[in-house]
Each structure stands twice: as structure tokens, then as C-alpha cells.
Amino acid sequence: MACCCKEEEQENTDLFAPLSCPDASPPSPPSLILSPMNSNFKALSSADLLQSILERLPPRDLARSTCVCRLWRTVASDRAMHERAFAGPWGVKRVVGMPSSTAFWRYSSLTRFAISHRLVKGDTVAGLALKYSVQVIDIKRLNNMMSDHGIYSRQRLLIPIAKSELLLGATCYIELDEHARREVAVLYLDGGPSDPSICQAGNSMSEMDRRKKKIVDSVRRSLHVDDGTAEYYLSVANGDPRAAMMQYSEDLRWEQQSPYM
């Protein structure tokens, strides 16, 4: 009996040996966290260095960086930086015009671009779909058309881009189409827009813009944040103010619970 007890005592001692070993290496430090709340953040206090880093980010991450601090917001809000992040993945040479909201830049998908086709006698939706190798339903959806008869009341149609090669080295124009009721970067295969006022850079604020601004102001006042942060959370929530505020509360709760903050 005494031998068994000694063997059991020895086994228990071996189990706890690594915990009491003086030569055991200390636990590895946590991963380096770059945050305004610690000293590592000072490494990015230079605007030039910060710009060289932020310009490598995709559009959505570039939008998030505007919420970090005032310096980051100043650098990341530069229009040229937004344009590079938006146009870079598709090889677009230049994007002319200013969108009604900075949320436009955050989603650099192929659906943000469209071809402008000026309608002529004999054009049909089916014929244009065949010509540009796209689906009829996609043309209708992009142009907010319920039926093929809508083509007769318009001077042009926006055509979805099926091949991204069309955008290589191209110049696109940000436009808010009155029929499609959406803002897209328009590619003109035959040159450029015939109407100089078609770009939205200097246009007066439309009713849709005023409505958006009211929503942004409401969310900004409710969350006690700046316009950029309010616009970001509205874009994440697809324009739903209640969902935007819930998402902001979740992010704020996560930051408060994070051991590195």
C-alpha cells in the first residue's frame, strides 16, 4: 500500500512540475496592437507616412480608417485617395465628378460602373442585351424599368459591364441618372458626355441629397459622432438608421471589452 501511495504522489508531482519549474520561459507577449490608446500609435503621426500606408487599403478599410482620429480622417478623406482605391482594382485611369455621398467610394464592385448607350430608332432591350453580352433582366434592373416599353421615354440606357477589360485605362464620369435613380460611374465608349453639366461635381443639392443629409444629421446627433462616422454606419446598415445605431453600439461595446483598449 505504501508503494502505491508513493507512486501516485510521484505522478501528481510530475503533473505540476512544468508550473513550478524555474527555467520555464515566460508567456509570449500579446500581438502588437496599433491603437490610439497606446504608444505604438505615435509611429503613424506623420501624414506622409500615413498616406503611403492608407493608399494601399481597399475602399471599405479606407472608409473605416476615417473613424480612428482626426489625423487619419484628414488623410483618408482626400478625394484623390478615394479615387485611387475605387478605380485601382479595375485599372480605370480617371473618375470625373464628385458623388453625392462619400459612401459611393466604399464599394468598388463592377456594379458601380455602367456603359452609357444613346438610344436610336430600332433599339430594343433584347437587342442591347445581345450586343453587350448581358441579361435583359440586368438592364431593366439597372435602369429601373418595369417593362420593355420604358425604353421609348428615354434618350439613353445604362448597360451593365460584363467584361472588366473595358475599364482598363478608361475615364468614367460619376452621374446620378434621373430614370435609373442611382449613382454610377458611367463609361462612354464613344468619347464623353455631351452635356457638361451631367457630372455631379457642381450641381445643386437634389431632394434625394437633402433627405440623405437629414438622416445623417439625425444619426450623428443620436450617436454624438461626426458626419463621417454617421455616414459609415449608415452605409453598413444599408441606410437604416436604427440598424446603424445598433451596429455602432455593438462596436462600442466590443471596444470597451477589448483587453487592449
Protein backbone atom coordinates (compact mmCIF):
# COMPACT_ATOMS: atom_id res chain seq x y z
CA MET A 1 0.00 0.00 0.00
CA ALA A 2 2.81 2.35 0.85
CA CYS A 3 4.44 1.80 -2.56
CA CYS A 4 1.23 2.57 -4.42
CA CYS A 5 0.79 5.81 -2.49
CA LYS A 6 4.35 6.84 -3.27
CA GLU A 7 3.88 6.12 -6.97
CA GLU A 8 0.62 8.12 -7.07
CA GLU A 9 2.26 11.02 -5.22
CA GLN A 10 5.14 11.00 -7.72
CA GLU A 11 2.72 11.10 -10.68
CA ASN A 12 0.86 14.08 -9.19
CA THR A 13 4.19 15.84 -8.66
CA ASP A 14 5.14 15.29 -12.29
CA LEU A 15 1.86 16.80 -13.50
CA PHE A 16 2.55 20.10 -11.75
CA ALA A 17 6.28 20.16 -12.44
CA PRO A 18 6.11 22.47 -15.53
CA LEU A 19 4.20 25.05 -13.50
CA SER A 20 6.85 25.37 -10.83
CA CYS A 21 9.94 24.92 -12.98
CA PRO A 22 12.20 27.99 -12.54
CA ASP A 23 13.67 27.55 -16.05
CA ALA A 24 10.29 27.73 -17.80
CA SER A 25 10.17 30.54 -20.37
CA PRO A 26 7.72 33.41 -19.67
CA PRO A 27 4.49 33.58 -21.69
CA SER A 28 4.82 35.33 -25.04
CA PRO A 29 3.54 38.91 -25.09
CA PRO A 30 0.28 39.67 -26.87
CA SER A 31 0.32 40.63 -30.54
CA LEU A 32 1.24 44.24 -31.34
CA ILE A 33 -1.93 46.30 -31.45
CA LEU A 34 -1.86 49.65 -33.23
CA SER A 35 -4.35 51.81 -31.37
CA PRO A 36 -4.72 55.49 -30.41
CA MET A 37 -4.80 54.24 -26.80
CA ASN A 38 -1.17 53.04 -26.70
CA SER A 39 2.29 54.33 -27.60
CA ASN A 40 2.52 52.32 -30.83
CA PHE A 41 0.10 54.76 -32.43
CA LYS A 42 2.74 57.52 -32.40
CA ALA A 43 4.56 55.72 -35.19
CA LEU A 44 1.87 56.94 -37.62
CA SER A 45 1.85 60.59 -36.60
CA SER A 46 3.41 61.61 -39.92
CA ALA A 47 0.83 62.46 -42.57
CA ASP A 48 3.14 61.40 -45.43
CA LEU A 49 3.86 58.01 -43.87
CA LEU A 50 0.20 57.52 -43.06
CA GLN A 51 -0.83 58.34 -46.62
CA SER A 52 1.64 55.84 -48.08
CA ILE A 53 0.06 53.15 -45.88
CA LEU A 54 -3.61 54.05 -46.26
CA GLU A 55 -3.44 54.26 -50.06
CA ARG A 56 -2.80 50.51 -50.09
CA LEU A 57 -6.09 49.77 -48.36
CA PRO A 58 -9.25 48.64 -50.18
CA PRO A 59 -12.14 51.15 -50.22
CA ARG A 60 -14.05 49.72 -47.24
CA ASP A 61 -10.98 49.64 -44.97
CA LEU A 62 -10.06 53.14 -46.11
CA ALA A 63 -13.53 54.29 -45.04
CA ARG A 64 -13.10 52.66 -41.63
CA SER A 65 -9.79 54.47 -41.09
CA THR A 66 -11.61 57.83 -41.08
CA CYS A 67 -13.13 56.86 -37.72
CA VAL A 68 -9.79 56.41 -35.94
CA CYS A 69 -8.79 60.00 -35.19
CA ARG A 70 -8.70 63.49 -36.69
CA LEU A 71 -5.37 62.99 -38.49
CA TRP A 72 -6.47 59.72 -40.05
CA ARG A 73 -9.76 61.28 -41.12
CA THR A 74 -7.96 64.21 -42.77
CA VAL A 75 -5.63 61.94 -44.74
CA ALA A 76 -8.17 59.24 -45.59
CA SER A 77 -10.84 61.75 -46.71
CA ASP A 78 -8.69 63.05 -49.56
CA ARG A 79 -10.63 62.68 -52.81
CA ALA A 80 -7.58 61.55 -54.79
CA MET A 81 -7.04 58.70 -52.34
CA HIS A 82 -10.69 57.65 -52.60
CA GLU A 83 -10.45 57.68 -56.38
CA ARG A 84 -7.32 55.51 -56.43
CA ALA A 85 -8.85 52.94 -54.09
CA PHE A 86 -12.08 52.89 -56.09
CA ALA A 87 -10.59 52.79 -59.59
CA GLY A 88 -7.43 50.80 -58.92
CA PRO A 89 -8.87 47.25 -58.90
CA TRP A 90 -10.32 47.78 -62.39
CA GLY A 91 -7.47 49.71 -63.97
CA VAL A 92 -9.61 52.82 -64.51
CA LYS A 93 -7.46 55.80 -65.47
CA ARG A 94 -9.65 58.54 -64.05
CA VAL A 95 -13.01 59.07 -62.35
CA VAL A 96 -14.52 62.51 -63.05
CA GLY A 97 -17.10 64.14 -60.80
CA MET A 98 -17.99 64.12 -57.12
CA PRO A 99 -20.60 61.71 -55.72
CA SER A 100 -23.45 62.99 -53.57
CA SER A 101 -22.15 60.93 -50.66
CA THR A 102 -18.71 59.60 -49.72
CA ALA A 103 -20.36 56.19 -49.25
CA PHE A 104 -20.18 55.85 -53.05
CA TRP A 105 -16.44 55.20 -52.90
CA ARG A 106 -16.69 52.36 -50.38
CA TYR A 107 -17.88 49.61 -52.71
CA SER A 108 -15.60 49.21 -55.69
CA SER A 109 -17.59 46.45 -57.36
CA LEU A 110 -18.23 46.11 -61.08
CA THR A 111 -21.88 47.05 -60.46
CA ARG A 112 -20.73 50.59 -59.63
CA PHE A 113 -19.84 51.05 -63.31
CA ALA A 114 -22.10 51.17 -66.36
CA ILE A 115 -21.93 51.88 -70.09
CA SER A 116 -23.93 54.77 -71.49
CA HIS A 117 -25.82 53.76 -74.64
CA ARG A 118 -27.61 56.53 -76.54
CA LEU A 119 -30.83 55.11 -77.92
CA VAL A 120 -31.60 55.26 -81.62
CA LYS A 121 -34.59 54.15 -83.65
CA GLY A 122 -34.91 50.38 -83.71
CA ASP A 123 -33.16 49.72 -80.39
CA THR A 124 -34.75 47.12 -78.14
CA VAL A 125 -33.82 45.86 -74.68
CA ALA A 126 -33.31 42.34 -76.03
CA GLY A 127 -31.14 43.64 -78.85
CA LEU A 128 -28.96 45.66 -76.49
CA ALA A 129 -28.60 42.69 -74.16
CA LEU A 130 -27.32 40.63 -77.06
CA LYS A 131 -24.99 43.39 -78.25
CA TYR A 132 -23.33 43.92 -74.85
CA SER A 133 -23.49 40.25 -73.73
CA VAL A 134 -25.63 40.92 -70.66
CA GLN A 135 -29.01 39.73 -69.40
CA VAL A 136 -32.26 41.56 -70.20
CA ILE A 137 -33.28 41.50 -66.55
CA ASP A 138 -29.98 43.17 -65.57
CA ILE A 139 -30.61 46.07 -67.96
CA LYS A 140 -34.13 46.52 -66.62
CA ARG A 141 -32.98 46.39 -63.01
CA LEU A 142 -30.17 48.88 -63.56
CA ASN A 143 -32.46 51.34 -65.35
CA ASN A 144 -35.44 50.92 -63.02
CA MET A 145 -37.65 49.62 -65.85
CA MET A 146 -40.78 47.59 -65.24
CA SER A 147 -41.23 46.62 -68.89
CA ASP A 148 -39.62 46.97 -72.31
CA HIS A 149 -41.91 49.90 -73.12
CA GLY A 150 -39.89 52.14 -70.80
CA ILE A 151 -37.24 52.41 -73.49
CA TYR A 152 -39.40 54.77 -75.56
CA SER A 153 -39.44 57.54 -72.96
CA ARG A 154 -35.65 57.74 -72.62
CA GLN A 155 -32.73 59.06 -74.58
CA ARG A 156 -30.25 56.54 -73.24
CA LEU A 157 -29.91 53.35 -71.21
CA LEU A 158 -27.28 52.33 -68.72
CA ILE A 159 -25.78 48.96 -69.64
CA PRO A 160 -24.13 46.72 -67.01
CA ILE A 161 -20.48 45.98 -67.71
CA ALA A 162 -19.94 42.29 -68.34
CA LYS A 163 -16.20 42.43 -69.11
CA SER A 164 -13.92 44.35 -66.77
CA GLU A 165 -11.39 44.71 -69.60
CA LEU A 166 -13.50 47.59 -70.92
CA LEU A 167 -12.46 49.68 -67.91
CA LEU A 168 -8.70 49.36 -68.44
CA GLY A 169 -7.28 52.84 -68.99
CA ALA A 170 -10.78 54.33 -69.29
CA THR A 171 -12.23 57.59 -67.95
CA CYS A 172 -15.57 57.31 -66.15
CA TYR A 173 -18.00 60.03 -65.09
CA ILE A 174 -19.98 59.93 -61.85
CA GLU A 175 -23.62 60.57 -62.72
CA LEU A 176 -26.97 60.39 -60.99
CA ASP A 177 -29.29 59.06 -63.69
CA GLU A 178 -32.78 60.54 -63.41
CA HIS A 179 -34.52 57.42 -64.69
CA ALA A 180 -32.37 54.78 -63.03
CA ARG A 181 -32.40 56.83 -59.81
CA ARG A 182 -28.97 55.65 -58.88
CA GLU A 183 -25.43 56.97 -58.94
CA VAL A 184 -22.89 55.13 -61.07
CA ALA A 185 -19.53 55.70 -62.74
CA VAL A 186 -20.50 55.89 -66.41
CA LEU A 187 -18.25 54.75 -69.25
CA TYR A 188 -18.75 56.38 -72.66
CA LEU A 189 -17.46 54.14 -75.42
CA ASP A 190 -17.85 56.92 -77.98
CA GLY A 191 -15.94 59.66 -76.14
CA GLY A 192 -17.53 61.54 -73.25
CA PRO A 193 -20.80 63.07 -72.07
CA SER A 194 -22.30 65.58 -74.49
CA ASP A 195 -23.76 67.63 -71.63
CA PRO A 196 -21.03 69.17 -69.41
CA SER A 197 -23.47 69.56 -66.54
CA ILE A 198 -24.05 65.82 -66.39
CA CYS A 199 -21.27 65.39 -63.83
CA GLN A 200 -22.39 66.00 -60.30
CA ALA A 201 -19.37 67.93 -59.06
CA GLY A 202 -21.01 71.36 -59.02
CA ASN A 203 -24.67 70.52 -59.16
CA SER A 204 -27.07 71.86 -56.57
CA MET A 205 -28.33 69.55 -53.86
CA SER A 206 -31.28 67.47 -55.02
CA GLU A 207 -34.25 66.38 -52.93
CA MET A 208 -32.65 62.96 -52.50
CA ASP A 209 -29.45 64.57 -51.24
CA ARG A 210 -31.34 66.70 -48.74
CA ARG A 211 -33.17 63.64 -47.45
CA LYS A 212 -29.87 61.79 -47.01
CA LYS A 213 -28.37 64.74 -45.17
CA LYS A 214 -31.30 64.83 -42.74
CA ILE A 215 -30.81 61.15 -41.96
CA VAL A 216 -27.06 61.60 -41.49
CA ASP A 217 -27.65 64.58 -39.18
CA SER A 218 -30.16 62.59 -37.14
CA VAL A 219 -27.80 59.64 -36.67
CA ARG A 220 -24.88 61.98 -35.92
CA ARG A 221 -26.81 63.73 -33.15
CA SER A 222 -28.07 60.45 -31.70
CA LEU A 223 -24.63 58.83 -31.56
CA HIS A 224 -22.70 62.04 -30.77
CA VAL A 225 -20.26 61.39 -33.61
CA ASP A 226 -19.06 63.29 -36.68
CA ASP A 227 -20.59 63.14 -40.17
CA GLY A 228 -18.04 60.64 -41.48
CA THR A 229 -18.76 58.12 -38.73
CA ALA A 230 -22.52 58.54 -39.16
CA GLU A 231 -22.23 58.02 -42.94
CA TYR A 232 -20.10 54.93 -42.44
CA TYR A 233 -22.56 53.18 -40.13
CA LEU A 234 -25.47 54.14 -42.39
CA SER A 235 -23.68 52.58 -45.35
CA VAL A 236 -23.01 49.39 -43.36
CA ALA A 237 -26.69 49.26 -42.40
CA ASN A 238 -27.90 49.94 -45.97
CA GLY A 239 -29.37 53.30 -44.95
CA ASP A 240 -31.37 52.02 -41.97
CA PRO A 241 -30.83 54.50 -39.08
CA ARG A 242 -31.96 52.03 -36.39
CA ALA A 243 -29.62 49.29 -37.66
CA ALA A 244 -26.79 51.83 -37.93
CA MET A 245 -27.16 52.83 -34.29
CA MET A 246 -27.31 49.19 -33.19
CA GLN A 247 -24.13 48.40 -35.12
CA TYR A 248 -22.38 51.39 -33.57
CA SER A 249 -23.44 50.24 -30.07
CA GLU A 250 -22.07 46.75 -30.76
CA ASP A 251 -18.73 48.13 -31.94
CA LEU A 252 -18.53 50.44 -28.94
CA ARG A 253 -19.29 47.55 -26.57
CA TRP A 254 -16.59 45.44 -28.24
CA GLU A 255 -14.02 48.24 -27.83
CA GLN A 256 -14.87 48.62 -24.14
CA GLN A 257 -14.49 44.87 -23.55
CA SER A 258 -11.25 44.52 -25.52
CA PRO A 259 -8.23 43.90 -23.23
CA TYR A 260 -6.00 46.03 -25.47
CA MET A 261 -8.08 49.22 -25.22
